[in-house]
């Protein structure tokens, strides 16, 4: 019932920046906590960041804290992940996901992912 489409991935040198976007369908986007996850080759999916339905609260994995910033524009049904000071270890497919605010950790909807590659 909620479709998510990520964009903005690509190839960047270490130390560079990228901004990922996740566009959501549906008229109840503001009811969803949004999360960002990533999966590196041969690795399991890892949590990256989350942002509350209102956008007033964020939480980040230690590995990206201070470098990544999640934000959202509910009027545009879009969530963003600004990634600065990128490292080769950040290379992964990045996914956005949606969890209804009543079930905060139950991410029922997922995007298709966007590749981020950071070269040394």
C-alpha atoms as a PDB file:
ATOM      1  CA  UNK A   1       0.000   0.000   0.000  1.00  0.00           C
ATOM      2  CA  UNK A   2       3.069   2.209   0.320  1.00  0.00           C
ATOM      3  CA  UNK A   3       5.537   2.271  -2.528  1.00  0.00           C
ATOM      4  CA  UNK A   4       9.033   3.620  -1.988  1.00  0.00           C
ATOM      5  CA  UNK A   5      11.534   4.563  -4.661  1.00  0.00           C
ATOM      6  CA  UNK A   6      15.116   5.471  -3.802  1.00  0.00           C
ATOM      7  CA  UNK A   7      17.331   7.611  -5.965  1.00  0.00           C
ATOM      8  CA  UNK A   8      20.570   9.546  -5.764  1.00  0.00           C
ATOM      9  CA  UNK A   9      23.073   6.748  -5.482  1.00  0.00           C
ATOM     10  CA  UNK A  10      26.216   6.605  -7.522  1.00  0.00           C
ATOM     11  CA  UNK A  11      29.983   6.531  -7.474  1.00  0.00           C
ATOM     12  CA  UNK A  12      31.871   8.986  -5.317  1.00  0.00           C
ATOM     13  CA  UNK A  13      35.416   9.301  -4.039  1.00  0.00           C
ATOM     14  CA  UNK A  14      36.225   8.904  -0.382  1.00  0.00           C
ATOM     15  CA  UNK A  15      35.534  12.131   1.443  1.00  0.00           C
ATOM     16  CA  UNK A  16      32.790  13.104  -0.949  1.00  0.00           C
ATOM     17  CA  UNK A  17      29.066  13.494  -0.468  1.00  0.00           C
ATOM     18  CA  UNK A  18      25.832  12.130  -1.829  1.00  0.00           C
ATOM     19  CA  UNK A  19      22.215  12.799  -1.051  1.00  0.00           C
ATOM     20  CA  UNK A  20      19.772   9.952  -1.337  1.00  0.00           C
ATOM     21  CA  UNK A  21      16.080  10.521  -1.797  1.00  0.00           C
ATOM     22  CA  UNK A  22      13.184   8.204  -1.141  1.00  0.00           C
ATOM     23  CA  UNK A  23       9.875   9.122  -2.693  1.00  0.00           C
ATOM     24  CA  UNK A  24       6.785   7.558  -1.194  1.00  0.00           C
ATOM     25  CA  UNK A  25       3.339   7.050  -2.559  1.00  0.00           C
ATOM     26  CA  UNK A  26       0.230   7.342  -0.472  1.00  0.00           C
ATOM     27  CA  UNK A  27      -1.558  10.071   1.386  1.00  0.00           C
ATOM     28  CA  UNK A  28      -0.536   8.895   4.865  1.00  0.00           C
ATOM     29  CA  UNK A  29       3.211   9.364   4.539  1.00  0.00           C
ATOM     30  CA  UNK A  30       3.227  11.559   7.617  1.00  0.00           C
ATOM     31  CA  UNK A  31       2.036   8.562   9.650  1.00  0.00           C
ATOM     32  CA  UNK A  32       5.216   6.610   8.992  1.00  0.00           C
ATOM     33  CA  UNK A  33       8.533   6.408  10.683  1.00  0.00           C
ATOM     34  CA  UNK A  34      11.140   6.100   7.962  1.00  0.00           C
ATOM     35  CA  UNK A  35      14.337   4.134   8.121  1.00  0.00           C
ATOM     36  CA  UNK A  36      17.471   3.855   6.047  1.00  0.00           C
ATOM     37  CA  UNK A  37      19.323   0.568   5.799  1.00  0.00           C
ATOM     38  CA  UNK A  38      22.228  -0.688   3.776  1.00  0.00           C
ATOM     39  CA  UNK A  39      23.600  -3.983   2.613  1.00  0.00           C
ATOM     40  CA  UNK A  40      27.181  -4.419   1.501  1.00  0.00           C
ATOM     41  CA  UNK A  41      28.231  -7.283  -0.765  1.00  0.00           C
ATOM     42  CA  UNK A  42      28.280 -10.536   1.147  1.00  0.00           C
ATOM     43  CA  UNK A  43      26.974  -8.867   4.297  1.00  0.00           C
ATOM     44  CA  UNK A  44      23.688  -8.731   6.117  1.00  0.00           C
ATOM     45  CA  UNK A  45      21.467  -5.695   6.048  1.00  0.00           C
ATOM     46  CA  UNK A  46      22.441  -3.034   8.582  1.00  0.00           C
ATOM     47  CA  UNK A  47      20.523  -0.203  10.134  1.00  0.00           C
ATOM     48  CA  UNK A  48      21.726   3.255   9.145  1.00  0.00           C
ATOM     49  CA  UNK A  49      19.259   5.879  10.336  1.00  0.00           C
ATOM     50  CA  UNK A  50      15.679   6.488  11.292  1.00  0.00           C
ATOM     51  CA  UNK A  51      13.507   9.572  11.347  1.00  0.00           C
ATOM     52  CA  UNK A  52      10.212   9.961  13.126  1.00  0.00           C
ATOM     53  CA  UNK A  53       6.951  10.543  11.327  1.00  0.00           C
ATOM     54  CA  UNK A  54       7.020  14.246  12.126  1.00  0.00           C
ATOM     55  CA  UNK A  55      10.701  14.597  11.330  1.00  0.00           C
ATOM     56  CA  UNK A  56      11.497  15.938  14.777  1.00  0.00           C
ATOM     57  CA  UNK A  57      13.563  12.972  15.924  1.00  0.00           C
ATOM     58  CA  UNK A  58      16.404  11.057  14.310  1.00  0.00           C
ATOM     59  CA  UNK A  59      18.697   8.254  15.318  1.00  0.00           C
ATOM     60  CA  UNK A  60      21.836   7.011  13.631  1.00  0.00           C
ATOM     61  CA  UNK A  61      24.069   4.002  13.681  1.00  0.00           C
ATOM     62  CA  UNK A  62      27.385   4.714  15.359  1.00  0.00           C
ATOM     63  CA  UNK A  63      29.184   4.067  12.099  1.00  0.00           C
ATOM     64  CA  UNK A  64      27.522   7.029  10.383  1.00  0.00           C
ATOM     65  CA  UNK A  65      26.853   9.372  13.279  1.00  0.00           C
ATOM     66  CA  UNK A  66      28.157  12.840  12.559  1.00  0.00           C
ATOM     67  CA  UNK A  67      28.442  12.143   8.847  1.00  0.00           C
ATOM     68  CA  UNK A  68      24.923  11.266   7.732  1.00  0.00           C
ATOM     69  CA  UNK A  69      21.773  13.297   8.228  1.00  0.00           C
ATOM     70  CA  UNK A  70      18.227  12.074   7.687  1.00  0.00           C
ATOM     71  CA  UNK A  71      15.456  14.517   6.942  1.00  0.00           C
ATOM     72  CA  UNK A  72      12.009  14.496   5.454  1.00  0.00           C
ATOM     73  CA  UNK A  73       9.561  16.714   3.667  1.00  0.00           C
ATOM     74  CA  UNK A  74       6.103  15.386   4.346  1.00  0.00           C
ATOM     75  CA  UNK A  75       4.539  17.802   1.887  1.00  0.00           C
ATOM     76  CA  UNK A  76       6.600  16.111  -0.827  1.00  0.00           C
ATOM     77  CA  UNK A  77       6.260  12.595   0.556  1.00  0.00           C
ATOM     78  CA  UNK A  78      10.024  12.334   0.510  1.00  0.00           C
ATOM     79  CA  UNK A  79      12.737  11.347   2.945  1.00  0.00           C
ATOM     80  CA  UNK A  80      16.403  12.163   2.427  1.00  0.00           C
ATOM     81  CA  UNK A  81      19.738  10.876   3.568  1.00  0.00           C
ATOM     82  CA  UNK A  82      22.573  13.354   3.264  1.00  0.00           C
ATOM     83  CA  UNK A  83      25.850  11.473   3.344  1.00  0.00           C
ATOM     84  CA  UNK A  84      29.052  13.403   3.913  1.00  0.00           C
ATOM     85  CA  UNK A  85      32.649  12.363   4.442  1.00  0.00           C
ATOM     86  CA  UNK A  86      31.961   9.091   2.716  1.00  0.00           C
ATOM     87  CA  UNK A  87      34.253   6.147   3.285  1.00  0.00           C
ATOM     88  CA  UNK A  88      34.827   3.016   1.222  1.00  0.00           C
ATOM     89  CA  UNK A  89      33.151   1.104   4.045  1.00  0.00           C
ATOM     90  CA  UNK A  90      29.932   2.955   3.204  1.00  0.00           C
ATOM     91  CA  UNK A  91      29.722   1.124  -0.109  1.00  0.00           C
ATOM     92  CA  UNK A  92      26.418  -0.727  -0.155  1.00  0.00           C
ATOM     93  CA  UNK A  93      22.957  -0.844  -1.564  1.00  0.00           C
ATOM     94  CA  UNK A  94      20.906   1.630   0.424  1.00  0.00           C
ATOM     95  CA  UNK A  95      17.243   1.019   1.124  1.00  0.00           C
ATOM     96  CA  UNK A  96      14.550   3.162   2.621  1.00  0.00           C
ATOM     97  CA  UNK A  97      11.750   1.573   4.569  1.00  0.00           C
ATOM     98  CA  UNK A  98       8.530   2.651   6.215  1.00  0.00           C
ATOM     99  CA  UNK A  99       7.032   1.657   9.542  1.00  0.00           C
ATOM    100  CA  UNK A 100       3.707   2.960  10.713  1.00  0.00           C
ATOM    101  CA  UNK A 101       4.181   5.100  13.777  1.00  0.00           C
ATOM    102  CA  UNK A 102       2.018   2.729  15.813  1.00  0.00           C
ATOM    103  CA  UNK A 103       4.470  -0.098  15.093  1.00  0.00           C
ATOM    104  CA  UNK A 104       7.785   1.758  15.117  1.00  0.00           C
ATOM    105  CA  UNK A 105      10.190  -1.092  14.372  1.00  0.00           C
ATOM    106  CA  UNK A 106       8.031  -3.047  12.005  1.00  0.00           C
ATOM    107  CA  UNK A 107       9.221  -1.937   8.589  1.00  0.00           C
ATOM    108  CA  UNK A 108       6.553  -3.325   6.334  1.00  0.00           C
ATOM    109  CA  UNK A 109       7.445  -1.415   3.176  1.00  0.00           C
ATOM    110  CA  UNK A 110      10.769  -1.283   1.395  1.00  0.00           C
ATOM    111  CA  UNK A 111      12.189   0.429  -1.621  1.00  0.00           C
ATOM    112  CA  UNK A 112      14.151  -1.270  -4.358  1.00  0.00           C
ATOM    113  CA  UNK A 113      17.478   0.113  -3.213  1.00  0.00           C
ATOM    114  CA  UNK A 114      20.073   2.384  -4.742  1.00  0.00           C
ATOM    115  CA  UNK A 115      23.757   1.577  -5.112  1.00  0.00           C
ATOM    116  CA  UNK A 116      26.334   3.744  -3.384  1.00  0.00           C
ATOM    117  CA  UNK A 117      29.952   3.066  -4.232  1.00  0.00           C
ATOM    118  CA  UNK A 118      32.770   4.928  -2.515  1.00  0.00           C
ATOM    119  CA  UNK A 119      36.196   4.612  -4.067  1.00  0.00           C
ATOM    120  CA  UNK A 120      39.457   5.067  -2.210  1.00  0.00           C
END
